[in-house]
N, C-alpha and C. Protein backbone atom coordinates (compact mmCIF):
# COMPACT_ATOMS: atom_id res chain seq x y z
N UNK A 1 16.77 8.54 21.88
CA UNK A 1 17.70 7.38 20.89
C UNK A 1 17.53 5.75 21.51
N UNK A 2 17.69 5.50 23.15
CA UNK A 2 17.90 4.39 23.22
C UNK A 2 16.64 3.58 23.07
N UNK A 3 15.35 4.22 23.56
CA UNK A 3 14.07 3.76 22.60
C UNK A 3 14.18 2.93 21.56
N UNK A 4 14.31 4.00 20.12
CA UNK A 4 14.56 3.46 18.93
C UNK A 4 15.83 2.47 18.88
N UNK A 5 16.98 2.51 19.43
CA UNK A 5 17.58 1.38 19.39
C UNK A 5 16.84 -0.11 19.91
N UNK A 6 16.12 0.08 20.76
CA UNK A 6 16.12 -1.15 21.94
C UNK A 6 14.76 -1.44 20.68
N UNK A 7 13.80 -0.69 20.13
CA UNK A 7 12.95 -1.20 18.82
C UNK A 7 13.46 -2.16 18.07
N UNK A 8 14.80 -1.34 17.17
CA UNK A 8 15.70 -1.91 16.30
C UNK A 8 16.18 -3.10 16.54
N UNK A 9 16.47 -3.44 17.38
CA UNK A 9 17.09 -4.86 17.95
C UNK A 9 15.99 -5.64 18.44
N UNK A 10 14.54 -5.21 18.92
CA UNK A 10 13.41 -6.18 18.96
C UNK A 10 13.39 -6.30 17.46
N UNK A 11 12.95 -5.61 16.61
CA UNK A 11 12.61 -6.30 15.12
C UNK A 11 13.72 -6.89 14.48
N UNK A 12 15.08 -6.86 14.62
CA UNK A 12 16.25 -7.27 14.43
C UNK A 12 15.79 -8.67 14.81
N UNK A 13 15.70 -8.95 15.97
CA UNK A 13 15.53 -10.41 17.22
C UNK A 13 14.04 -10.83 15.74
N UNK A 14 13.16 -10.27 15.83
CA UNK A 14 11.80 -11.15 15.55
C UNK A 14 11.85 -11.21 13.42
N UNK A 15 12.76 -10.64 13.22
CA UNK A 15 12.93 -10.49 11.29
C UNK A 15 13.40 -12.06 11.84
N UNK A 16 14.05 -12.80 12.70
CA UNK A 16 14.87 -13.79 12.46
C UNK A 16 13.76 -15.19 12.26
N UNK A 17 12.09 -14.94 12.73
CA UNK A 17 11.43 -15.66 12.28
C UNK A 17 10.96 -15.87 10.82
N UNK A 18 11.35 -16.95 10.48
CA UNK A 18 10.48 -16.84 8.88
C UNK A 18 9.19 -16.46 9.09
N UNK A 19 8.38 -16.74 10.11
CA UNK A 19 6.73 -16.18 9.68
C UNK A 19 6.49 -14.59 9.95
N UNK A 20 7.38 -14.62 10.75
CA UNK A 20 7.68 -12.68 11.20
C UNK A 20 7.67 -12.35 10.10
N UNK A 21 9.14 -12.81 9.35
CA UNK A 21 9.46 -12.17 8.42
C UNK A 21 8.53 -11.93 7.20
N UNK A 22 7.97 -13.09 7.17
CA UNK A 22 6.95 -12.56 5.76
C UNK A 22 5.63 -12.07 6.01
N UNK A 23 5.19 -12.09 7.29
CA UNK A 23 4.22 -11.27 7.62
C UNK A 23 4.97 -9.70 7.29
N UNK A 24 5.78 -9.32 8.10
CA UNK A 24 6.43 -8.17 8.10
C UNK A 24 6.44 -7.65 6.95
N UNK A 25 6.94 -8.35 5.71
CA UNK A 25 7.31 -7.90 4.75
C UNK A 25 5.87 -7.63 3.58
N UNK A 26 5.32 -8.28 3.90
CA UNK A 26 3.69 -8.20 2.93
C UNK A 26 3.00 -6.87 3.80
N UNK A 27 3.00 -6.68 5.16
CA UNK A 27 2.75 -5.64 5.51
C UNK A 27 3.41 -4.22 4.92
N UNK A 28 4.58 -4.69 5.23
CA UNK A 28 5.27 -3.15 4.56
C UNK A 28 4.89 -3.18 2.94
N UNK A 29 4.40 -4.15 2.32
CA UNK A 29 4.29 -4.14 0.72
C UNK A 29 2.60 -3.58 0.82
N UNK A 30 2.07 -3.91 1.40
CA UNK A 30 0.62 -3.27 1.78
C UNK A 30 0.63 -1.69 1.88
N UNK A 31 1.27 -1.72 3.13
CA UNK A 31 1.50 -0.06 3.43
C UNK A 31 2.26 0.80 2.31
N UNK A 32 2.89 0.55 1.68
CA UNK A 32 3.78 1.12 0.25
C UNK A 32 2.71 1.31 -0.57
N UNK A 33 1.88 0.47 -0.85
CA UNK A 33 1.15 0.94 -1.68
C UNK A 33 -0.38 1.68 -1.66
N UNK A 34 -0.34 1.53 -0.09
CA UNK A 34 -1.70 2.78 0.31
C UNK A 34 -1.20 3.98 0.20
N UNK A 35 0.30 4.10 0.46
CA UNK A 35 0.74 5.40 0.46
C UNK A 35 0.93 5.98 -1.18
N UNK A 36 0.87 4.92 -1.85
CA UNK A 36 1.01 5.51 -3.06
C UNK A 36 -0.48 5.96 -3.76
N UNK A 37 -1.07 4.77 -3.63
CA UNK A 37 -2.47 5.22 -4.08
C UNK A 37 -2.44 6.43 -3.41
N UNK A 38 -2.73 6.63 -2.19
CA UNK A 38 -3.17 7.83 -1.40
C UNK A 38 -2.45 9.37 -2.28
N UNK A 39 -1.52 9.35 -2.14
CA UNK A 39 -0.19 10.15 -2.73
C UNK A 39 -1.03 10.99 -4.32
N UNK A 40 -0.83 9.75 -4.74
CA UNK A 40 -1.55 9.73 -6.43
C UNK A 40 -2.92 10.63 -6.46
N UNK A 41 -3.49 9.57 -5.77
CA UNK A 41 -4.65 10.51 -5.73
C UNK A 41 -4.95 11.73 -5.18
N UNK A 42 -4.73 12.02 -4.22
CA UNK A 42 -4.44 13.56 -3.58
C UNK A 42 -3.69 14.73 -4.27
N UNK A 43 -2.62 14.02 -5.22
CA UNK A 43 -2.11 14.71 -6.03
C UNK A 43 -3.10 15.58 -7.22
N UNK A 44 -3.42 14.60 -7.37
CA UNK A 44 -4.92 15.11 -8.47
C UNK A 44 -5.63 15.78 -8.23
N UNK A 45 -6.33 16.21 -6.86
CA UNK A 45 -7.00 17.02 -6.12
C UNK A 45 -8.30 15.92 -6.07
N UNK A 46 -7.83 14.70 -6.32
CA UNK A 46 -9.38 13.95 -6.20
C UNK A 46 -9.40 13.32 -5.06
N UNK A 47 -11.02 13.04 -4.78
CA UNK A 47 -11.41 12.51 -3.42
C UNK A 47 -11.62 11.23 -3.94
N UNK A 48 -12.05 9.74 -2.92
CA UNK A 48 -12.11 8.97 -3.13
C UNK A 48 -13.35 8.16 -4.54
N UNK A 49 -14.33 9.09 -3.87
CA UNK A 49 -15.42 9.04 -4.98
C UNK A 49 -14.99 9.65 -6.38
N UNK A 50 -13.98 10.29 -6.54
CA UNK A 50 -13.55 11.07 -7.55
C UNK A 50 -12.81 9.84 -7.92
N UNK A 51 -11.91 9.12 -7.52
CA UNK A 51 -10.86 7.94 -8.23
C UNK A 51 -11.88 6.69 -8.43
N UNK A 52 -13.00 6.47 -7.88
CA UNK A 52 -14.10 5.57 -8.03
C UNK A 52 -15.12 5.75 -9.29
N UNK A 53 -15.15 6.94 -9.84
CA UNK A 53 -15.87 7.43 -11.03
C UNK A 53 -15.39 7.00 -12.30
N UNK A 54 -13.93 7.44 -12.03
CA UNK A 54 -12.68 7.35 -13.17
C UNK A 54 -12.45 5.97 -13.06
N UNK A 55 -12.07 4.86 -12.21
CA UNK A 55 -11.93 3.51 -12.48
C UNK A 55 -12.71 2.67 -12.25
N UNK A 56 -13.85 2.76 -11.89
CA UNK A 56 -14.71 2.10 -11.59
C UNK A 56 -14.94 1.40 -10.29
N UNK A 57 -13.95 1.44 -9.48
CA UNK A 57 -13.64 0.56 -8.36
C UNK A 57 -14.29 1.27 -7.32
N UNK A 58 -15.12 0.75 -6.67
CA UNK A 58 -15.81 1.16 -5.40
C UNK A 58 -15.44 1.70 -4.41
N UNK A 59 -16.15 3.04 -3.69
CA UNK A 59 -15.20 3.90 -2.36
C UNK A 59 -14.90 3.03 -1.70
N UNK A 60 -15.65 2.25 -1.36
CA UNK A 60 -15.04 0.99 0.08
C UNK A 60 -13.92 0.40 -0.50
N UNK A 61 -13.56 0.40 -1.53
CA UNK A 61 -12.28 -0.49 -1.79
C UNK A 61 -11.12 -0.16 -1.98
N UNK A 62 -11.55 1.29 -1.91
CA UNK A 62 -9.99 1.78 -2.37
C UNK A 62 -9.95 2.26 -0.96
N UNK A 63 -11.02 2.61 0.16
CA UNK A 63 -10.52 3.10 1.02
C UNK A 63 -9.68 2.04 2.13
N UNK A 64 -10.60 0.74 1.68
CA UNK A 64 -9.64 -0.27 2.26
C UNK A 64 -8.47 -0.46 1.73
N UNK A 65 -8.10 -0.33 0.75
CA UNK A 65 -6.33 -0.03 -0.01
C UNK A 65 -5.78 0.70 0.45
N UNK A 66 -6.61 1.76 0.69
CA UNK A 66 -5.47 3.18 1.50
C UNK A 66 -5.41 3.23 2.71
N UNK A 67 -5.91 2.13 3.75
CA UNK A 67 -5.91 1.71 5.02
C UNK A 67 -4.99 0.42 5.05
N UNK A 68 -4.41 -0.03 4.13
CA UNK A 68 -3.25 -1.19 4.15
C UNK A 68 -3.80 -2.45 3.90
N UNK A 69 -5.15 -2.71 3.44
CA UNK A 69 -5.69 -4.06 3.25
C UNK A 69 -5.25 -4.72 1.64
N UNK A 70 -4.91 -5.64 2.06
CA UNK A 70 -4.63 -6.55 0.64
C UNK A 70 -5.76 -5.78 -0.55
N UNK A 71 -5.04 -6.28 -2.07
CA UNK A 71 -6.01 -6.20 -3.06
C UNK A 71 -5.89 -6.66 -4.28
N UNK A 72 -6.09 -6.99 -5.45
CA UNK A 72 -5.73 -7.66 -6.38
C UNK A 72 -4.84 -6.67 -7.45
N UNK A 73 -3.95 -7.17 -8.07
CA UNK A 73 -3.60 -7.21 -9.12
C UNK A 73 -4.30 -6.03 -10.64
N UNK A 74 -5.50 -6.77 -10.38
CA UNK A 74 -6.66 -5.96 -11.53
C UNK A 74 -7.24 -4.49 -10.88
N UNK A 75 -7.29 -4.59 -9.73
CA UNK A 75 -7.63 -3.48 -9.45
C UNK A 75 -6.82 -2.58 -8.84
N UNK A 76 -5.84 -2.44 -8.56
CA UNK A 76 -4.46 -2.01 -8.74
C UNK A 76 -4.36 -1.35 -10.26
N UNK A 77 -4.15 -2.10 -11.14
CA UNK A 77 -4.24 -1.31 -12.00
C UNK A 77 -5.36 -0.90 -12.67
N UNK A 78 -6.22 -1.23 -12.64
CA UNK A 78 -7.54 0.13 -12.65
C UNK A 78 -7.32 1.26 -12.37
N UNK A 79 -6.67 1.50 -10.58
CA UNK A 79 -6.88 2.83 -10.30
C UNK A 79 -5.72 3.44 -10.75
N UNK A 80 -4.34 2.54 -11.06
CA UNK A 80 -3.41 3.12 -11.72
C UNK A 80 -3.51 3.33 -13.08
N UNK A 81 -4.56 3.01 -14.44
CA UNK A 81 -5.03 3.92 -15.49
C UNK A 81 -5.75 4.63 -15.30
N UNK A 82 -6.53 4.99 -14.27
CA UNK A 82 -7.69 5.88 -13.60
C UNK A 82 -6.88 7.40 -13.28
N UNK A 83 -5.70 7.38 -12.88
CA UNK A 83 -4.87 8.50 -12.53
C UNK A 83 -3.68 8.55 -13.22
N UNK A 84 -3.79 7.89 -14.70
CA UNK A 84 -3.22 8.26 -15.91
C UNK A 84 -1.62 7.36 -15.39
N UNK A 85 -1.45 6.44 -14.21
CA UNK A 85 -0.08 5.79 -14.20
C UNK A 85 -0.04 4.25 -15.04
N UNK A 86 1.01 3.92 -14.59
CA UNK A 86 0.99 2.22 -15.18
C UNK A 86 1.52 1.96 -13.95
N UNK A 87 0.73 0.70 -13.60
CA UNK A 87 1.71 -0.28 -12.86
C UNK A 87 2.66 -0.98 -12.63
N UNK A 88 3.46 -0.82 -11.92
CA UNK A 88 5.06 -1.66 -12.39
C UNK A 88 5.17 -2.24 -11.24
N UNK A 89 5.42 -3.96 -11.24
CA UNK A 89 5.97 -4.44 -10.04
C UNK A 89 7.23 -4.94 -10.32
N UNK A 90 7.84 -4.90 -9.27
CA UNK A 90 9.27 -5.46 -9.12
C UNK A 90 9.86 -6.31 -8.37
N UNK A 91 10.82 -7.60 -8.61
CA UNK A 91 10.71 -8.24 -7.81
C UNK A 91 12.32 -7.90 -7.85
N UNK A 92 12.97 -7.86 -6.24
CA UNK A 92 14.37 -7.35 -6.12
C UNK A 92 14.66 -8.54 -5.18
């Protein structure tokens, strides 16, 4: 528990730096996208190759997205549509 508290304190301190905060938020978004795409794909019992065939997005791009790399809204829209989903972007 003490270690977690220490990590929480470190993160809280680091988030005071605007550059760190921006990078942290960006990486959090990439991770959320990666998890969403992976979960939706596996729920359909599709491989990356299956998703590629349905969406026209290369398997290598799907792998990069699921590993937390940046991508375009157009690519995300293709993936969502292929899986029967709508892409929703929300500003909070």
